[in-house]
C-alpha atoms as a PDB file:
ATOM      1  CA  PRO A   1      14.372   5.307  -0.591  1.00  0.00           C
ATOM      2  CA  ASP A   2      12.400   2.590  -2.348  1.00  0.00           C
ATOM      3  CA  ALA A   3      11.268   1.100   0.986  1.00  0.00           C
ATOM      4  CA  LEU A   4       9.977   4.474   2.127  1.00  0.00           C
ATOM      5  CA  ALA A   5       8.080   5.018  -1.082  1.00  0.00           C
ATOM      6  CA  TRP A   6       6.532   1.585  -0.831  1.00  0.00           C
ATOM      7  CA  ALA A   7       5.567   2.068   2.772  1.00  0.00           C
ATOM      8  CA  GLY A   8       4.052   5.495   1.914  1.00  0.00           C
ATOM      9  CA  THR A   9       1.959   3.853  -0.781  1.00  0.00           C
ATOM     10  CA  ALA A  10       0.768   1.198   1.655  1.00  0.00           C
ATOM     11  CA  ALA A  11      -0.123   3.937   4.210  1.00  0.00           C
ATOM     12  CA  ALA A  12      -2.003   5.860   1.596  1.00  0.00           C
ATOM     13  CA  LEU A  13      -4.068   2.863   0.636  1.00  0.00           C
ATOM     14  CA  SER A  14      -4.790   1.858   4.174  1.00  0.00           C
ATOM     15  CA  VAL A  15      -6.242   5.218   5.333  1.00  0.00           C
ATOM     16  CA  GLN A  16      -8.775   5.031   2.482  1.00  0.00           C
ATOM     17  CA  ARG A  17     -10.679   2.216   4.285  1.00  0.00           C
ATOM     18  CA  ALA A  18     -12.405   1.754   7.580  1.00  0.00           C
ATOM     19  CA  GLY A  19     -11.113  -0.633  10.231  1.00  0.00           C
ATOM     20  CA  ALA A  20      -7.741  -1.875  11.326  1.00  0.00           C
ATOM     21  CA  ALA A  21      -7.209  -5.243   9.726  1.00  0.00           C
ATOM     22  CA  PRO A  22      -9.649  -4.725   6.823  1.00  0.00           C
ATOM     23  CA  SER A  23      -7.766  -1.565   5.814  1.00  0.00           C
ATOM     24  CA  MET A  24      -4.455  -3.354   5.326  1.00  0.00           C
ATOM     25  CA  PRO A  25      -3.820  -3.503   1.523  1.00  0.00           C
ATOM     26  CA  HIS A  26      -2.517  -6.738  -0.084  1.00  0.00           C
ATOM     27  CA  ARG A  27       1.009  -6.629  -1.514  1.00  0.00           C
ATOM     28  CA  SER A  28      -0.408  -6.843  -5.003  1.00  0.00           C
ATOM     29  CA  GLU A  29      -2.429  -3.571  -4.438  1.00  0.00           C
ATOM     30  CA  ILE A  30       0.700  -1.779  -3.117  1.00  0.00           C
ATOM     31  CA  ASP A  31       2.821  -2.957  -5.921  1.00  0.00           C
ATOM     32  CA  ALA A  32       0.171  -1.880  -8.498  1.00  0.00           C
ATOM     33  CA  SER A  33      -0.267   1.542  -6.908  1.00  0.00           C
ATOM     34  CA  ALA A  34       3.479   2.034  -6.603  1.00  0.00           C
ATOM     35  CA  GLY A  35       4.086   0.995 -10.162  1.00  0.00           C
ATOM     36  CA  VAL A  36       6.174  -2.046  -9.316  1.00  0.00           C
ATOM     37  CA  VAL A  37       6.480  -4.519 -12.230  1.00  0.00           C
ATOM     38  CA  ALA A  38       6.562  -8.136 -11.091  1.00  0.00           C
END
């Protein structure tokens, strides 16, 4: 379940930007959006 939530967050961030490679979010962006505390 945690992996699916993290992947969903990554997907949600990536569709907000244009392009293939430029739209891939960095791990820190995904963690911040998913509420992960490092």
